[in-house]
C-alpha atoms as a PDB file:
ATOM      1  CA  MET A   1     -89.578   7.141 101.250  1.00  0.00           C
ATOM      2  CA  TYR A   2     -93.107   8.752 100.643  1.00  0.00           C
ATOM      3  CA  ARG A   3     -93.213   9.740  96.645  1.00  0.00           C
ATOM      4  CA  LYS A   4     -95.195  13.159  96.875  1.00  0.00           C
ATOM      5  CA  SER A   5     -96.095  13.033  93.371  1.00  0.00           C
ATOM      6  CA  LEU A   6     -97.785   9.557  94.064  1.00  0.00           C
ATOM      7  CA  ASN A   7     -98.945  10.819  97.296  1.00  0.00           C
ATOM      8  CA  ARG A   8     -98.476   7.065  98.750  1.00  0.00           C
ATOM      9  CA  VAL A   9     -95.193   5.560 101.040  1.00  0.00           C
ATOM     10  CA  GLU A  10     -92.792   3.456  98.924  1.00  0.00           C
ATOM     11  CA  ARG A  11     -89.634   0.887  99.929  1.00  0.00           C
ATOM     12  CA  VAL A  12     -87.164   1.453  97.821  1.00  0.00           C
ATOM     13  CA  ALA A  13     -83.905  -0.765  98.747  1.00  0.00           C
ATOM     14  CA  PHE A  14     -80.999   1.766 100.481  1.00  0.00           C
ATOM     15  CA  GLU A  15     -78.438   1.453  97.456  1.00  0.00           C
ATOM     16  CA  THR A  16     -81.508   1.546  94.306  1.00  0.00           C
ATOM     17  CA  TYR A  17     -82.548   5.471  96.240  1.00  0.00           C
ATOM     18  CA  VAL A  18     -78.525   6.016  96.743  1.00  0.00           C
ATOM     19  CA  LYS A  19     -78.201   5.671  92.892  1.00  0.00           C
ATOM     20  CA  ASN A  20     -81.274   7.448  92.105  1.00  0.00           C
ATOM     21  CA  VAL A  21     -80.794  10.175  94.402  1.00  0.00           C
ATOM     22  CA  LEU A  22     -77.021  11.261  93.345  1.00  0.00           C
ATOM     23  CA  PRO A  23     -77.114  12.341  89.449  1.00  0.00           C
ATOM     24  CA  ASN A  24     -79.975  14.606  91.017  1.00  0.00           C
ATOM     25  CA  GLU A  25     -78.710  16.092  93.768  1.00  0.00           C
ATOM     26  CA  TRP A  26     -74.831  16.552  91.936  1.00  0.00           C
ATOM     27  CA  VAL A  27     -73.561  17.508  88.970  1.00  0.00           C
ATOM     28  CA  SER A  28     -72.864  14.281  86.379  1.00  0.00           C
ATOM     29  CA  SER A  29     -70.028  15.594  84.633  1.00  0.00           C
ATOM     30  CA  TRP A  30     -68.409  16.698  87.578  1.00  0.00           C
ATOM     31  CA  PRO A  31     -65.189  14.839  88.552  1.00  0.00           C
ATOM     32  CA  GLY A  32     -64.759  11.348  90.180  1.00  0.00           C
ATOM     33  CA  GLU A  33     -63.962  12.521  93.758  1.00  0.00           C
ATOM     34  CA  SER A  34     -66.528  14.969  93.751  1.00  0.00           C
ATOM     35  CA  LEU A  35     -69.005  12.853  93.112  1.00  0.00           C
ATOM     36  CA  ARG A  36     -67.435   9.801  95.432  1.00  0.00           C
ATOM     37  CA  ALA A  37     -67.633  13.195  97.511  1.00  0.00           C
ATOM     38  CA  GLY A  38     -71.450  12.925  96.848  1.00  0.00           C
ATOM     39  CA  ALA A  39     -72.218   9.386  97.209  1.00  0.00           C
ATOM     40  CA  MET A  40     -71.175  10.091 100.686  1.00  0.00           C
ATOM     41  CA  ALA A  41     -73.223  12.425 101.647  1.00  0.00           C
ATOM     42  CA  VAL A  42     -76.598  10.830  99.963  1.00  0.00           C
ATOM     43  CA  LYS A  43     -75.525   8.057 101.682  1.00  0.00           C
ATOM     44  CA  ASN A  44     -75.095   9.654 105.374  1.00  0.00           C
ATOM     45  CA  PHE A  45     -78.179  11.657 104.970  1.00  0.00           C
ATOM     46  CA  GLY A  46     -80.262   8.879 103.737  1.00  0.00           C
ATOM     47  CA  TRP A  47     -79.378   6.468 106.358  1.00  0.00           C
ATOM     48  CA  TYR A  48     -79.425   8.901 108.923  1.00  0.00           C
ATOM     49  CA  TRP A  49     -83.025   9.466 108.384  1.00  0.00           C
ATOM     50  CA  ALA A  50     -83.771   5.794 108.265  1.00  0.00           C
ATOM     51  CA  LEU A  51     -82.324   5.595 112.002  1.00  0.00           C
ATOM     52  CA  HIS A  52     -83.832   8.992 113.177  1.00  0.00           C
ATOM     53  CA  SER A  53     -86.877   9.819 111.644  1.00  0.00           C
ATOM     54  CA  ASN A  54     -90.142   9.494 112.896  1.00  0.00           C
ATOM     55  CA  ARG A  55     -92.149  10.593 110.035  1.00  0.00           C
ATOM     56  CA  LYS A  56     -95.341   9.627 109.227  1.00  0.00           C
ATOM     57  CA  THR A  57     -98.223   9.940 106.628  1.00  0.00           C
ATOM     58  CA  ALA A  58    -101.947  11.289 107.839  1.00  0.00           C
ATOM     59  CA  SER A  59    -103.455   7.733 107.313  1.00  0.00           C
ATOM     60  CA  GLY A  60    -100.154   7.131 110.042  1.00  0.00           C
ATOM     61  CA  GLN A  61     -97.979   5.061 107.411  1.00  0.00           C
ATOM     62  CA  CYS A  62     -94.325   5.277 108.975  1.00  0.00           C
ATOM     63  CA  PHE A  63     -91.430   6.436 106.475  1.00  0.00           C
ATOM     64  CA  ASP A  64     -88.051   8.212 106.554  1.00  0.00           C
ATOM     65  CA  VAL A  65     -87.750  10.601 103.806  1.00  0.00           C
ATOM     66  CA  TYR A  66     -89.440  12.518 101.060  1.00  0.00           C
ATOM     67  CA  ASP A  67     -88.554  11.814  97.293  1.00  0.00           C
ATOM     68  CA  HIS A  68     -88.100  16.023  97.041  1.00  0.00           C
ATOM     69  CA  THR A  69     -86.392  18.490  97.501  1.00  0.00           C
ATOM     70  CA  SER A  70     -87.510  18.291 101.768  1.00  0.00           C
ATOM     71  CA  SER A  71     -85.029  15.496 101.443  1.00  0.00           C
ATOM     72  CA  GLN A  72     -83.105  14.349  98.858  1.00  0.00           C
ATOM     73  CA  VAL A  73     -84.747  14.330  95.571  1.00  0.00           C
ATOM     74  CA  TYR A  74     -84.945  10.578  94.135  1.00  0.00           C
ATOM     75  CA  LYS A  75     -85.959   9.706  90.925  1.00  0.00           C
ATOM     76  CA  PRO A  76     -86.542   6.312  89.788  1.00  0.00           C
ATOM     77  CA  GLY A  77     -84.520   5.375  86.648  1.00  0.00           C
ATOM     78  CA  SER A  78     -82.399   8.616  86.875  1.00  0.00           C
ATOM     79  CA  ALA A  79     -79.404   6.502  87.991  1.00  0.00           C
ATOM     80  CA  LYS A  80     -76.451   7.258  85.852  1.00  0.00           C
ATOM     81  CA  ALA A  81     -73.324   4.894  84.534  1.00  0.00           C
ATOM     82  CA  VAL A  82     -70.680   7.575  86.054  1.00  0.00           C
ATOM     83  CA  THR A  83     -72.510   8.366  89.140  1.00  0.00           C
ATOM     84  CA  SER A  84     -73.281   4.427  89.781  1.00  0.00           C
ATOM     85  CA  ALA A  85     -69.848   4.108  89.591  1.00  0.00           C
ATOM     86  CA  ALA A  86     -69.707   6.554  92.115  1.00  0.00           C
ATOM     87  CA  VAL A  87     -71.692   4.565  94.675  1.00  0.00           C
ATOM     88  CA  ASP A  88     -69.963   1.212  94.331  1.00  0.00           C
ATOM     89  CA  ALA A  89     -67.130   2.533  94.883  1.00  0.00           C
ATOM     90  CA  THR A  90     -68.056   4.506  98.382  1.00  0.00           C
ATOM     91  CA  TRP A  91     -70.327   1.847  99.460  1.00  0.00           C
ATOM     92  CA  GLY A  92     -68.485  -0.297 101.913  1.00  0.00           C
ATOM     93  CA  THR A  93     -67.403   2.688 103.222  1.00  0.00           C
ATOM     94  CA  ARG A  94     -69.276   4.847 106.378  1.00  0.00           C
ATOM     95  CA  LEU A  95     -69.426   8.604 107.991  1.00  0.00           C
ATOM     96  CA  THR A  96     -69.136   8.451 111.919  1.00  0.00           C
ATOM     97  CA  ARG A  97     -69.217  11.312 114.168  1.00  0.00           C
ATOM     98  CA  ASN A  98     -68.686   8.882 117.955  1.00  0.00           C
ATOM     99  CA  GLY A  99     -69.327   6.171 116.673  1.00  0.00           C
ATOM    100  CA  LYS A 100     -72.432   7.665 115.206  1.00  0.00           C
ATOM    101  CA  ILE A 101     -73.596   8.012 111.939  1.00  0.00           C
ATOM    102  CA  PHE A 102     -73.893  11.909 111.847  1.00  0.00           C
ATOM    103  CA  ARG A 103     -76.996  13.788 109.438  1.00  0.00           C
ATOM    104  CA  ALA A 104     -74.083  14.949 105.982  1.00  0.00           C
END
Protein backbone atom coordinates (compact mmCIF):
# COMPACT_ATOMS: atom_id res chain seq x y z
CA MET A 1 0.00 0.00 0.00
CA TYR A 2 1.04 3.57 -0.56
CA ARG A 3 1.25 5.43 2.76
CA LYS A 4 0.44 8.94 1.62
CA SER A 5 1.43 10.72 4.83
CA LEU A 6 4.76 8.86 4.89
CA ASN A 7 5.32 9.12 1.12
CA ARG A 8 6.33 5.47 0.81
CA VAL A 9 5.11 2.01 -0.12
CA GLU A 10 4.66 -0.51 2.69
CA ARG A 11 3.89 -4.21 2.56
CA VAL A 12 1.26 -5.23 5.10
CA ALA A 13 -0.23 -8.68 5.72
CA PHE A 14 -3.69 -8.72 4.17
CA GLU A 15 -5.52 -9.72 7.36
CA THR A 16 -3.73 -6.94 9.26
CA TYR A 17 -4.76 -4.53 6.52
CA VAL A 18 -8.45 -5.52 6.73
CA LYS A 19 -8.47 -5.36 10.55
CA ASN A 20 -6.96 -1.87 10.49
CA VAL A 21 -9.32 -0.58 7.79
CA LEU A 22 -12.69 -1.80 9.04
CA PRO A 23 -12.91 0.43 12.15
CA ASN A 24 -12.07 3.45 9.97
CA GLU A 25 -14.65 2.70 7.30
CA TRP A 26 -17.51 1.24 9.39
CA VAL A 27 -19.01 2.38 12.70
CA SER A 28 -17.71 0.00 15.36
CA SER A 29 -20.88 0.24 17.46
CA TRP A 30 -23.07 -1.08 14.64
CA PRO A 31 -24.63 -4.56 15.02
CA GLY A 32 -22.45 -7.61 14.41
CA GLU A 33 -24.15 -8.47 11.09
CA SER A 34 -23.33 -5.01 9.79
CA LEU A 35 -19.72 -5.32 10.90
CA ARG A 36 -19.43 -8.70 9.18
CA ALA A 37 -20.87 -7.17 5.99
CA GLY A 38 -18.32 -4.38 6.32
CA ALA A 39 -15.52 -6.90 6.78
CA MET A 40 -16.55 -8.56 3.53
CA ALA A 41 -16.70 -5.23 1.70
CA VAL A 42 -13.28 -4.14 2.97
CA LYS A 43 -11.76 -7.52 2.12
CA ASN A 44 -13.23 -7.69 -1.37
CA PHE A 45 -12.20 -4.13 -2.21
CA GLY A 46 -8.61 -4.72 -1.09
CA TRP A 47 -8.42 -8.13 -2.73
CA TYR A 48 -9.79 -6.80 -6.01
CA TRP A 49 -7.09 -4.12 -6.20
CA ALA A 50 -4.37 -6.56 -5.14
CA LEU A 51 -5.31 -8.56 -8.24
CA HIS A 52 -5.93 -5.66 -10.65
CA SER A 53 -3.81 -2.66 -9.68
CA ASN A 54 -1.17 -1.23 -11.96
CA ARG A 55 -0.39 1.75 -9.73
CA LYS A 56 3.17 2.95 -9.35
CA THR A 57 4.92 5.71 -7.47
CA ALA A 58 6.88 8.35 -9.36
CA SER A 59 10.01 6.29 -8.63
CA GLY A 60 8.42 3.15 -10.11
CA GLN A 61 7.43 1.20 -6.98
CA CYS A 62 4.27 -0.84 -7.49
CA PHE A 63 1.41 -0.75 -4.98
CA ASP A 64 -2.20 -1.87 -4.83
CA VAL A 65 -4.07 0.60 -2.60
CA TYR A 66 -3.67 3.95 -0.89
CA ASP A 67 -4.00 4.25 2.90
CA HIS A 68 -6.55 7.06 2.69
CA THR A 69 -9.92 7.82 1.15
CA SER A 70 -8.66 7.28 -2.41
CA SER A 71 -8.90 3.57 -1.50
CA GLN A 72 -9.71 2.67 2.10
CA VAL A 73 -8.58 4.38 5.29
CA TYR A 74 -5.84 2.24 6.84
CA LYS A 75 -4.45 3.29 10.22
CA PRO A 76 -1.98 0.94 11.90
CA GLY A 77 -3.02 0.06 15.42
CA SER A 78 -6.66 1.05 14.92
CA ALA A 79 -8.06 -2.49 15.02
CA LYS A 80 -10.73 -3.02 17.66
CA ALA A 81 -11.83 -6.29 19.25
CA VAL A 82 -15.37 -6.04 17.86
CA THR A 83 -14.28 -5.27 14.28
CA SER A 84 -11.47 -7.82 14.37
CA ALA A 85 -14.03 -10.42 15.49
CA ALA A 86 -16.11 -9.56 12.40
CA VAL A 87 -13.05 -10.03 10.20
CA ASP A 88 -12.23 -13.36 11.87
CA ALA A 89 -15.83 -14.56 11.48
CA THR A 90 -15.84 -13.89 7.74
CA TRP A 91 -12.21 -14.61 6.88
CA GLY A 92 -12.92 -17.93 5.15
CA THR A 93 -15.67 -16.44 2.97
CA ARG A 94 -15.20 -14.68 -0.33
CA LEU A 95 -17.55 -12.90 -2.69
CA THR A 96 -17.31 -13.71 -6.38
CA ARG A 97 -19.23 -12.98 -9.54
CA ASN A 98 -18.83 -15.53 -12.31
CA GLY A 99 -16.04 -17.10 -10.26
CA LYS A 100 -14.00 -13.86 -9.93
CA ILE A 101 -13.41 -11.44 -7.10
CA PHE A 102 -15.28 -8.20 -7.78
CA ARG A 103 -14.75 -4.68 -6.53
CA ALA A 104 -17.01 -4.09 -3.54
